[in-house]
Protein backbone atom coordinates (compact mmCIF):
# COMPACT_ATOMS: atom_id res chain seq x y z
CA MET A 1 -6.45 -5.83 -11.23
CA ALA A 2 -4.57 -9.09 -11.27
CA GLN A 3 -1.59 -9.36 -8.96
CA TYR A 4 1.10 -11.66 -10.25
CA LYS A 5 4.36 -10.55 -8.62
CA ALA A 6 5.56 -10.00 -5.06
CA CYS A 7 9.03 -9.03 -3.94
CA PHE A 8 11.29 -7.14 -1.57
CA PRO A 9 10.02 -7.98 1.94
CA ILE A 10 11.58 -5.45 4.30
CA ILE A 11 11.17 -4.60 7.98
CA ALA A 12 12.43 -1.64 9.98
CA LYS A 13 12.35 -1.05 13.73
CA LEU A 14 9.63 1.44 14.71
CA LYS A 15 11.10 4.03 17.07
CA ASP A 16 9.17 5.94 19.75
CA ASP A 17 9.17 9.08 17.59
CA GLY A 18 7.41 7.26 14.72
CA THR A 19 10.51 6.98 12.51
CA TYR A 20 12.24 3.78 11.43
CA SER A 21 15.75 2.39 11.84
CA ASP A 22 17.73 -0.83 11.43
CA ALA A 23 15.94 -1.84 8.21
CA VAL A 24 16.56 -5.42 7.05
CA ILE A 25 15.57 -7.12 3.80
CA LEU A 26 14.03 -10.50 4.68
CA GLY A 27 15.33 -12.66 1.86
CA LYS A 28 13.17 -13.11 -1.20
CA MET A 29 9.41 -13.10 -0.82
CA ILE A 30 7.55 -16.32 -1.44
CA LYS A 31 4.15 -15.17 -0.19
CA THR A 32 2.52 -12.75 2.19
CA ASP A 33 -1.02 -12.72 3.53
CA VAL A 34 -2.66 -9.65 5.05
CA SER A 35 -6.11 -10.37 6.49
CA PRO A 36 -7.90 -7.24 7.74
CA LYS A 37 -9.78 -7.52 11.03
CA THR A 38 -12.85 -5.46 11.81
CA THR A 39 -15.16 -4.73 14.67
CA GLU A 40 -18.84 -4.15 14.11
CA GLY A 41 -21.68 -2.49 15.93
CA LYS A 42 -25.35 -2.47 15.00
CA LEU A 43 -27.99 -0.20 16.42
CA TYR A 44 -31.56 -1.42 16.20
CA GLY A 45 -34.50 0.93 16.20
CA ASP A 46 -38.11 0.49 15.17
CA ASP A 47 -37.52 -3.25 14.71
CA SER A 48 -34.75 -2.81 12.12
CA ILE A 49 -31.14 -1.78 11.81
CA ALA A 50 -30.88 2.00 12.24
CA GLU A 51 -27.07 2.16 12.14
CA ASP A 52 -24.37 -0.32 11.12
CA VAL A 53 -20.70 0.52 11.69
CA LYS A 54 -17.71 -1.59 10.65
CA GLU A 55 -14.26 -0.35 11.54
CA ALA A 56 -10.86 -1.84 10.73
CA THR A 57 -8.88 -2.75 13.84
CA GLY A 58 -5.72 -3.95 12.08
CA ALA A 59 -4.75 -7.10 10.25
CA ASP A 60 -3.29 -10.56 10.70
CA VAL A 61 -0.02 -10.71 8.75
CA THR A 62 1.95 -13.73 7.55
CA LEU A 63 5.19 -13.66 5.57
CA ASN A 64 6.80 -16.68 3.94
CA THR A 65 10.29 -15.84 2.70
CA THR A 66 13.42 -17.62 1.52
CA THR A 67 15.31 -16.58 4.65
CA ILE A 68 15.24 -14.39 7.72
CA PRO A 69 18.77 -13.02 8.23
CA SER A 70 20.21 -13.40 11.74
CA LYS A 71 20.52 -9.61 12.05
CA ALA A 72 16.70 -9.38 11.87
CA TYR A 73 16.13 -11.70 14.86
CA PRO A 74 16.93 -9.13 17.60
CA ILE A 75 14.58 -6.62 15.96
CA LEU A 76 11.74 -9.03 15.16
CA PHE A 77 11.89 -11.37 18.14
CA GLY A 78 14.25 -9.90 20.77
CA THR A 79 16.71 -12.76 20.28
CA THR A 80 20.35 -12.12 21.17
CA VAL A 81 22.88 -12.75 18.40
CA GLY A 82 26.54 -12.89 19.44
CA GLU A 83 29.50 -11.62 17.41
CA ASP A 84 30.24 -15.22 16.44
CA GLY A 85 26.68 -15.62 15.07
CA THR A 86 25.35 -17.64 18.00
CA GLU A 87 21.62 -17.05 18.46
CA ASP A 88 20.44 -17.18 22.08
CA TYR A 89 16.72 -17.55 22.75
CA SER A 90 15.20 -16.67 26.11
CA THR A 91 11.73 -16.77 27.57
CA ASP A 92 12.24 -13.04 28.22
CA ASP A 93 12.71 -12.23 24.49
CA ASN A 94 10.31 -9.62 23.18
CA GLY A 95 10.70 -8.20 19.70
CA SER A 96 10.07 -4.65 18.57
CA TYR A 97 7.24 -3.17 16.64
CA VAL A 98 8.34 -2.87 13.03
CA GLY A 99 7.23 -1.35 9.80
CA TYR A 100 6.79 -4.08 7.19
CA GLY A 101 6.62 -3.50 3.47
CA TYR A 102 6.75 -5.19 0.08
CA VAL A 103 6.15 -4.55 -3.61
CA THR A 104 3.54 -6.23 -5.80
CA GLY A 105 3.20 -6.31 -9.55
CA GLU A 106 -0.19 -5.92 -11.15
CA ILE A 107 -1.52 -6.19 -14.67
CA VAL A 108 -4.66 -4.55 -16.07
CA ASN A 109 -5.49 -4.64 -19.79
CA ASN A 110 -2.02 -6.05 -20.50
CA LYS A 111 -0.32 -3.06 -18.80
CA SER A 112 1.94 -3.73 -15.80
CA SER A 113 2.26 -1.47 -12.79
CA TYR A 114 3.71 -1.85 -9.31
CA LYS A 115 2.39 -1.09 -5.87
CA LEU A 116 4.29 -0.42 -2.66
CA THR A 117 2.52 -1.71 0.45
CA TRP A 118 3.61 -0.54 3.90
CA LEU A 119 2.22 -1.67 7.25
CA PRO A 120 3.54 0.96 9.69
CA LYS A 121 3.25 -1.01 12.97
CA VAL A 122 3.50 -4.80 13.07
CA LYS A 123 4.51 -7.19 15.84
CA PHE A 124 5.76 -10.59 14.65
CA ALA A 125 6.08 -13.80 16.68
CA LEU A 126 8.97 -16.25 16.60
CA PRO A 127 8.32 -18.76 13.79
CA PRO A 128 7.98 -22.51 14.23
CA GLU A 129 10.81 -24.56 12.79
CA SER A 130 10.42 -27.64 10.64
CA VAL A 131 13.38 -29.33 8.97
CA GLU A 132 13.62 -32.50 6.96
CA THR A 133 16.52 -34.71 6.00
CA LYS A 134 17.45 -35.10 2.36
CA GLY A 135 16.10 -38.27 0.84
CA GLU A 136 15.75 -39.27 -2.79
CA ASN A 137 14.31 -35.81 -3.50
CA ILE A 138 15.37 -32.44 -2.16
CA THR A 139 12.68 -30.64 -0.17
CA PHE A 140 13.12 -26.99 0.74
CA THR A 141 11.70 -25.61 3.97
CA THR A 142 11.39 -21.86 4.37
CA PRO A 143 10.54 -19.65 7.34
CA SER A 144 7.08 -18.22 7.77
CA ILE A 145 6.41 -15.54 10.40
CA SER A 146 3.06 -14.31 11.64
CA GLY A 147 2.07 -11.15 13.40
CA PHE A 148 -0.51 -8.41 13.70
CA ALA A 149 -0.63 -4.97 12.05
CA TYR A 150 -1.82 -2.32 14.50
CA PRO A 151 -3.38 1.05 13.73
CA THR A 152 -1.05 3.93 14.50
CA GLY A 153 -0.87 7.70 14.44
CA GLU A 154 -3.61 10.31 14.54
CA LYS A 155 -5.53 8.67 11.69
CA ASN A 156 -5.18 5.11 13.06
CA ARG A 157 -3.64 4.02 9.76
CA TRP A 158 -2.72 0.32 9.57
CA ARG A 159 -1.80 0.08 5.86
CA GLN A 160 -0.52 2.41 3.17
CA ARG A 161 -0.28 1.70 -0.57
CA LYS A 162 1.20 3.70 -3.43
CA PRO A 163 1.31 2.92 -7.18
CA PHE A 164 4.44 3.16 -9.37
CA SER A 165 5.21 2.62 -13.04
CA THR A 166 8.25 0.40 -12.41
CA ALA A 167 9.40 -2.05 -9.77
CA ALA A 168 12.65 -0.07 -9.34
CA GLU A 169 10.69 3.08 -8.42
CA ALA A 170 8.54 1.18 -5.92
CA ILE A 171 11.56 -0.51 -4.31
CA ALA A 172 13.44 2.81 -4.06
CA ALA A 173 10.43 4.43 -2.36
CA LEU A 174 10.10 1.46 0.01
CA LYS A 175 13.79 1.74 0.96
CA THR A 176 13.28 5.44 1.72
CA LEU A 177 10.13 4.74 3.80
CA ALA A 178 11.98 2.08 5.82
CA ASN A 179 15.07 4.31 6.19
CA TYR A 180 17.14 1.51 4.62
CA THR A 181 20.87 1.97 4.13
CA THR A 182 22.92 -0.46 2.09
CA PRO A 183 25.16 -2.57 4.39
CA THR A 184 28.91 -1.90 4.16
CA GLU A 185 30.05 -5.46 4.81
C-alpha cells in the first residue's frame, strides 16, 4: 500500500465515561507522525532465549497542521480563551486527554481507498512558536503539536483503523466517532 493523501485532523475531548465531546477540526493536515513504542522482555533458559515478548505501550504523536483554532486551546492545552479572543497562558494549564483522528488515502494496483485512523486517548503538549518577518520571499510557519497516545479500555487499544471506499465516507465516520457537530456560527 502506498499512502499519498492525509486530511481532516480532528480532536475531541475524552470524557470520564469514555465518550467524546467538544470536537474541533484542526485546520488542514500537513503531516502527522505516529511512532509506536514498545516494551520488551526476554527470558533466557538453557543458554538461549526461551521466551521473547514485545508489547505496544502507546505511541509518540506529532501533528503539523495549517492552524490550531483558538477554541481547541482550552481542550488541548488548558489555556483560557476570553470572549474577546484573548488567550491567557498559565503555568497551571493542563490540557485534556483527547481522541485524535485523521483520514489517509492509499493506492494499490492503481485503485484508491481511504482509511480512518483514530487514537482514542492522546495528551498533547503546548507547541513551540517560531515566527519570521516577511522579506523578499514569503515564508509560512505552521503549528506542530506533539503528544503521546495511551492505551485505553479493557483491550488497552491505542489505535483503531477502518477502511472506506471514499474519502467522504471516512470523514463522515470520523465525525461520528469524534461526536462532531457542525458549528452554528
